[in-house]
């Protein structure tokens, strides 16, 4: 799985989307492998364009899978990468990661 760190995007959602499509999209389209896009955390205004980009990439990348995470925690990104490598049916997802963890499982 190819992990593409999506860094240096502008703070405004429209400008960030344009920059992503100009710089990162060509790399993801040419990957010929499963791709995990690793976005930096951002507020809710970035969710729609990020999800649309990931879902669109997932549609055209078949048979490869494309997913994304939003995190600045390398350990969390690595854990998500390991999980997604084993989750063969998961594609087109945007997963916000929290380095604090989900907490204890309540039975």
N, C-alpha and C. Protein backbone atom coordinates (compact mmCIF):
# COMPACT_ATOMS: atom_id res chain seq x y z
N UNK A 1 0.84 -1.17 0.00
CA UNK A 1 0.00 0.00 0.00
C UNK A 1 0.89 1.24 0.00
N UNK A 2 0.61 2.13 -0.93
CA UNK A 2 1.35 3.38 -1.04
C UNK A 2 0.70 4.41 -0.13
N UNK A 3 1.47 5.00 0.77
CA UNK A 3 0.98 6.07 1.63
C UNK A 3 1.45 7.40 1.05
N UNK A 4 0.49 8.25 0.71
CA UNK A 4 0.81 9.58 0.20
C UNK A 4 0.50 10.61 1.27
N UNK A 5 1.51 11.25 1.80
CA UNK A 5 1.31 12.32 2.78
C UNK A 5 0.84 13.56 2.03
N UNK A 6 -0.34 14.04 2.39
CA UNK A 6 -0.90 15.23 1.76
C UNK A 6 -0.59 16.40 2.68
N UNK A 7 0.43 17.16 2.30
CA UNK A 7 0.95 18.22 3.16
C UNK A 7 0.95 19.56 2.44
N UNK A 8 0.97 20.61 3.23
CA UNK A 8 1.14 21.95 2.68
C UNK A 8 -0.06 22.50 1.95
N UNK A 9 -1.26 22.00 2.24
CA UNK A 9 -2.45 22.54 1.59
C UNK A 9 -2.84 23.87 2.22
N UNK A 10 -3.43 24.76 1.44
CA UNK A 10 -3.91 26.03 2.00
C UNK A 10 -5.02 25.80 3.03
N UNK A 11 -5.24 26.76 3.92
CA UNK A 11 -6.26 26.57 4.95
C UNK A 11 -7.70 26.64 4.46
N UNK A 12 -7.97 27.36 3.39
CA UNK A 12 -9.34 27.45 2.88
C UNK A 12 -9.68 26.19 2.09
N UNK A 13 -10.89 25.65 2.28
CA UNK A 13 -11.26 24.39 1.63
C UNK A 13 -11.17 24.41 0.11
N UNK A 14 -11.65 25.45 -0.54
CA UNK A 14 -11.63 25.49 -2.00
C UNK A 14 -10.21 25.54 -2.53
N UNK A 15 -9.37 26.33 -1.92
CA UNK A 15 -7.97 26.41 -2.33
C UNK A 15 -7.24 25.09 -2.02
N UNK A 16 -7.57 24.48 -0.90
CA UNK A 16 -6.96 23.20 -0.54
C UNK A 16 -7.34 22.12 -1.55
N UNK A 17 -8.60 22.10 -1.93
CA UNK A 17 -9.06 21.12 -2.92
C UNK A 17 -8.34 21.31 -4.25
N UNK A 18 -8.24 22.55 -4.69
CA UNK A 18 -7.57 22.84 -5.97
C UNK A 18 -6.11 22.41 -5.92
N UNK A 19 -5.43 22.69 -4.81
CA UNK A 19 -4.03 22.30 -4.67
C UNK A 19 -3.90 20.78 -4.65
N UNK A 20 -4.77 20.11 -3.92
CA UNK A 20 -4.77 18.64 -3.88
C UNK A 20 -4.92 18.07 -5.29
N UNK A 21 -5.91 18.56 -6.02
CA UNK A 21 -6.16 18.03 -7.36
C UNK A 21 -5.01 18.31 -8.33
N UNK A 22 -4.31 19.40 -8.13
CA UNK A 22 -3.18 19.73 -9.00
C UNK A 22 -1.92 18.93 -8.65
N UNK A 23 -1.64 18.76 -7.35
CA UNK A 23 -0.37 18.15 -6.94
C UNK A 23 -0.45 16.67 -6.59
N UNK A 24 -1.48 16.26 -5.88
CA UNK A 24 -1.53 14.91 -5.31
C UNK A 24 -2.32 13.95 -6.19
N UNK A 25 -3.40 14.41 -6.76
CA UNK A 25 -4.25 13.54 -7.57
C UNK A 25 -3.47 12.80 -8.66
N UNK A 26 -2.58 13.46 -9.41
CA UNK A 26 -1.84 12.71 -10.43
C UNK A 26 -1.00 11.56 -9.85
N UNK A 27 -0.41 11.76 -8.68
CA UNK A 27 0.37 10.70 -8.04
C UNK A 27 -0.54 9.52 -7.67
N UNK A 28 -1.69 9.83 -7.11
CA UNK A 28 -2.62 8.78 -6.69
C UNK A 28 -3.17 8.02 -7.89
N UNK A 29 -3.47 8.73 -8.97
CA UNK A 29 -4.00 8.07 -10.17
C UNK A 29 -2.97 7.16 -10.83
N UNK A 30 -1.71 7.49 -10.72
CA UNK A 30 -0.67 6.70 -11.36
C UNK A 30 -0.07 5.63 -10.47
N UNK A 31 -0.64 5.39 -9.32
CA UNK A 31 0.00 4.52 -8.33
C UNK A 31 0.06 3.05 -8.72
N UNK A 32 -0.94 2.51 -9.37
CA UNK A 32 -0.98 1.08 -9.69
C UNK A 32 -0.79 0.22 -8.44
N UNK A 33 -1.38 0.67 -7.33
CA UNK A 33 -1.30 -0.02 -6.05
C UNK A 33 -2.41 0.54 -5.16
N UNK A 34 -2.71 -0.15 -4.07
CA UNK A 34 -3.60 0.41 -3.07
C UNK A 34 -2.97 1.69 -2.54
N UNK A 35 -3.80 2.70 -2.26
CA UNK A 35 -3.31 4.00 -1.82
C UNK A 35 -3.99 4.41 -0.52
N UNK A 36 -3.20 4.94 0.39
CA UNK A 36 -3.71 5.56 1.59
C UNK A 36 -3.25 7.02 1.58
N UNK A 37 -4.21 7.93 1.46
CA UNK A 37 -3.91 9.35 1.52
C UNK A 37 -3.90 9.76 2.98
N UNK A 38 -2.86 10.41 3.43
CA UNK A 38 -2.74 10.84 4.82
C UNK A 38 -2.82 12.36 4.87
N UNK A 39 -4.03 12.86 5.14
CA UNK A 39 -4.26 14.29 5.27
C UNK A 39 -3.92 14.75 6.67
N UNK A 40 -3.51 16.00 6.79
CA UNK A 40 -3.37 16.61 8.11
C UNK A 40 -4.77 16.86 8.66
N UNK A 41 -4.92 16.91 9.97
CA UNK A 41 -6.24 17.22 10.54
C UNK A 41 -6.72 18.59 10.04
N UNK A 42 -8.02 18.71 9.86
CA UNK A 42 -8.63 19.97 9.44
C UNK A 42 -10.05 20.02 10.00
N UNK A 43 -10.63 21.20 9.98
CA UNK A 43 -11.98 21.32 10.50
C UNK A 43 -13.00 20.74 9.53
N UNK A 44 -14.26 20.79 9.94
CA UNK A 44 -15.34 20.15 9.18
C UNK A 44 -15.50 20.69 7.78
N UNK A 45 -15.01 21.89 7.49
CA UNK A 45 -15.19 22.48 6.16
C UNK A 45 -14.40 21.75 5.09
N UNK A 46 -13.47 20.90 5.47
CA UNK A 46 -12.66 20.15 4.50
C UNK A 46 -13.21 18.74 4.23
N UNK A 47 -14.14 18.28 5.06
CA UNK A 47 -14.62 16.90 4.95
C UNK A 47 -15.24 16.59 3.59
N UNK A 48 -16.10 17.44 3.08
CA UNK A 48 -16.83 17.14 1.85
C UNK A 48 -15.90 16.97 0.65
N UNK A 49 -14.97 17.90 0.47
CA UNK A 49 -14.11 17.77 -0.72
C UNK A 49 -13.15 16.59 -0.58
N UNK A 50 -12.69 16.33 0.64
CA UNK A 50 -11.79 15.19 0.85
C UNK A 50 -12.51 13.88 0.57
N UNK A 51 -13.72 13.74 1.10
CA UNK A 51 -14.48 12.51 0.88
C UNK A 51 -14.80 12.32 -0.60
N UNK A 52 -15.21 13.38 -1.27
CA UNK A 52 -15.51 13.29 -2.71
C UNK A 52 -14.28 12.87 -3.50
N UNK A 53 -13.13 13.42 -3.15
CA UNK A 53 -11.90 13.07 -3.85
C UNK A 53 -11.54 11.60 -3.64
N UNK A 54 -11.64 11.14 -2.40
CA UNK A 54 -11.31 9.74 -2.09
C UNK A 54 -12.28 8.79 -2.78
N UNK A 55 -13.57 9.11 -2.74
CA UNK A 55 -14.56 8.24 -3.38
C UNK A 55 -14.37 8.22 -4.90
N UNK A 56 -14.08 9.37 -5.49
CA UNK A 56 -13.84 9.41 -6.93
C UNK A 56 -12.61 8.61 -7.32
N UNK A 57 -11.54 8.76 -6.56
CA UNK A 57 -10.33 7.98 -6.82
C UNK A 57 -10.59 6.49 -6.68
N UNK A 58 -11.35 6.11 -5.67
CA UNK A 58 -11.65 4.69 -5.45
C UNK A 58 -12.41 4.09 -6.64
N UNK A 59 -13.29 4.89 -7.24
CA UNK A 59 -14.05 4.39 -8.40
C UNK A 59 -13.15 4.14 -9.61
N UNK A 60 -12.18 5.02 -9.85
CA UNK A 60 -11.36 4.88 -11.05
C UNK A 60 -10.13 3.99 -10.84
N UNK A 61 -9.80 3.70 -9.58
CA UNK A 61 -8.59 2.92 -9.30
C UNK A 61 -8.80 1.42 -9.29
N UNK A 62 -10.01 0.96 -9.44
CA UNK A 62 -10.29 -0.48 -9.41
C UNK A 62 -9.35 -1.20 -10.37
N UNK A 63 -8.71 -2.28 -9.96
CA UNK A 63 -8.97 -3.13 -8.81
C UNK A 63 -8.26 -2.71 -7.53
N UNK A 64 -7.54 -1.59 -7.58
CA UNK A 64 -6.85 -1.12 -6.39
C UNK A 64 -7.82 -0.36 -5.49
N UNK A 65 -7.46 -0.24 -4.22
CA UNK A 65 -8.30 0.46 -3.26
C UNK A 65 -7.67 1.78 -2.88
N UNK A 66 -8.52 2.77 -2.61
CA UNK A 66 -8.06 4.09 -2.18
C UNK A 66 -8.85 4.47 -0.93
N UNK A 67 -8.14 4.80 0.13
CA UNK A 67 -8.73 5.29 1.37
C UNK A 67 -7.92 6.48 1.84
N UNK A 68 -8.45 7.17 2.84
CA UNK A 68 -7.74 8.32 3.40
C UNK A 68 -7.93 8.36 4.91
N UNK A 69 -6.95 8.95 5.55
CA UNK A 69 -7.03 9.22 6.98
C UNK A 69 -6.72 10.70 7.18
N UNK A 70 -7.20 11.23 8.29
CA UNK A 70 -6.88 12.60 8.69
C UNK A 70 -6.23 12.50 10.05
N UNK A 71 -4.91 12.71 10.09
CA UNK A 71 -4.17 12.59 11.34
C UNK A 71 -2.78 13.18 11.17
N UNK A 72 -2.22 13.61 12.29
CA UNK A 72 -0.83 14.04 12.29
C UNK A 72 0.00 13.13 13.20
N UNK A 73 -0.56 11.97 13.54
CA UNK A 73 0.10 11.01 14.42
C UNK A 73 0.63 9.84 13.59
N UNK A 74 1.96 9.73 13.41
CA UNK A 74 2.51 8.65 12.60
C UNK A 74 2.10 7.25 13.07
N UNK A 75 1.99 7.05 14.38
CA UNK A 75 1.60 5.73 14.89
C UNK A 75 0.15 5.41 14.52
N UNK A 76 -0.71 6.39 14.59
CA UNK A 76 -2.11 6.18 14.21
C UNK A 76 -2.24 5.90 12.72
N UNK A 77 -1.47 6.61 11.92
CA UNK A 77 -1.50 6.38 10.47
C UNK A 77 -0.99 4.98 10.15
N UNK A 78 0.08 4.57 10.80
CA UNK A 78 0.62 3.23 10.58
C UNK A 78 -0.38 2.16 11.01
N UNK A 79 -1.07 2.37 12.12
CA UNK A 79 -2.08 1.41 12.57
C UNK A 79 -3.23 1.33 11.58
N UNK A 80 -3.66 2.47 11.05
CA UNK A 80 -4.73 2.47 10.06
C UNK A 80 -4.28 1.77 8.78
N UNK A 81 -3.04 1.99 8.39
CA UNK A 81 -2.49 1.33 7.21
C UNK A 81 -2.51 -0.18 7.40
N UNK A 82 -2.09 -0.65 8.57
CA UNK A 82 -2.09 -2.10 8.85
C UNK A 82 -3.50 -2.65 8.84
N UNK A 83 -4.44 -1.92 9.43
CA UNK A 83 -5.83 -2.37 9.43
C UNK A 83 -6.37 -2.45 8.01
N UNK A 84 -6.16 -1.40 7.22
CA UNK A 84 -6.71 -1.37 5.86
C UNK A 84 -6.06 -2.42 4.96
N UNK A 85 -4.82 -2.77 5.22
CA UNK A 85 -4.17 -3.81 4.43
C UNK A 85 -4.88 -5.15 4.61
N UNK A 86 -5.48 -5.36 5.77
CA UNK A 86 -6.19 -6.61 6.05
C UNK A 86 -7.68 -6.53 5.74
N UNK A 87 -8.20 -5.33 5.49
CA UNK A 87 -9.63 -5.13 5.26
C UNK A 87 -9.88 -4.99 3.76
N UNK A 88 -9.88 -6.12 3.08
CA UNK A 88 -9.89 -6.13 1.61
C UNK A 88 -11.12 -5.47 0.99
N UNK A 89 -12.22 -5.36 1.71
CA UNK A 89 -13.43 -4.78 1.14
C UNK A 89 -13.59 -3.30 1.38
N UNK A 90 -12.66 -2.68 2.07
CA UNK A 90 -12.80 -1.27 2.43
C UNK A 90 -12.10 -0.40 1.39
N UNK A 91 -12.87 0.50 0.77
CA UNK A 91 -12.33 1.44 -0.19
C UNK A 91 -13.22 2.67 -0.24
N UNK A 92 -12.64 3.80 -0.58
CA UNK A 92 -13.40 5.04 -0.69
C UNK A 92 -13.78 5.66 0.64
N UNK A 93 -13.03 5.37 1.68
CA UNK A 93 -13.35 5.87 3.02
C UNK A 93 -12.39 6.96 3.47
N UNK A 94 -12.91 7.89 4.25
CA UNK A 94 -12.12 8.94 4.89
C UNK A 94 -12.26 8.74 6.39
N UNK A 95 -11.17 8.36 7.04
CA UNK A 95 -11.19 8.02 8.46
C UNK A 95 -10.46 9.07 9.28
N UNK A 96 -11.17 9.85 10.10
CA UNK A 96 -10.47 10.76 11.00
C UNK A 96 -9.90 9.96 12.16
N UNK A 97 -8.62 10.13 12.43
CA UNK A 97 -7.96 9.37 13.49
C UNK A 97 -7.71 10.27 14.69
N UNK A 98 -7.84 9.69 15.86
CA UNK A 98 -7.64 10.39 17.12
C UNK A 98 -6.51 9.70 17.86
N UNK A 99 -5.44 10.39 18.12
CA UNK A 99 -4.30 9.77 18.78
C UNK A 99 -4.60 9.43 20.23
N UNK A 100 -5.72 9.87 20.75
CA UNK A 100 -6.10 9.55 22.12
C UNK A 100 -6.74 8.17 22.23
N UNK A 101 -7.13 7.58 21.10
CA UNK A 101 -7.75 6.25 21.11
C UNK A 101 -9.24 6.34 21.31
N UNK A 102 -9.91 5.26 21.02
CA UNK A 102 -11.35 5.21 21.11
C UNK A 102 -11.83 4.98 22.53
N UNK A 103 -10.94 4.59 23.40
CA UNK A 103 -11.34 4.31 24.77
C UNK A 103 -11.65 2.83 24.96
N UNK A 104 -12.02 2.49 26.15
CA UNK A 104 -12.29 1.10 26.47
C UNK A 104 -13.59 0.63 25.80
N UNK A 105 -13.60 -0.62 25.41
CA UNK A 105 -14.80 -1.21 24.85
C UNK A 105 -15.70 -1.63 26.01
N UNK A 106 -16.97 -1.21 25.94
CA UNK A 106 -17.92 -1.54 27.00
C UNK A 106 -18.73 -2.75 26.56
N UNK A 107 -18.74 -3.77 27.39
CA UNK A 107 -19.52 -4.98 27.08
C UNK A 107 -20.86 -4.94 27.75
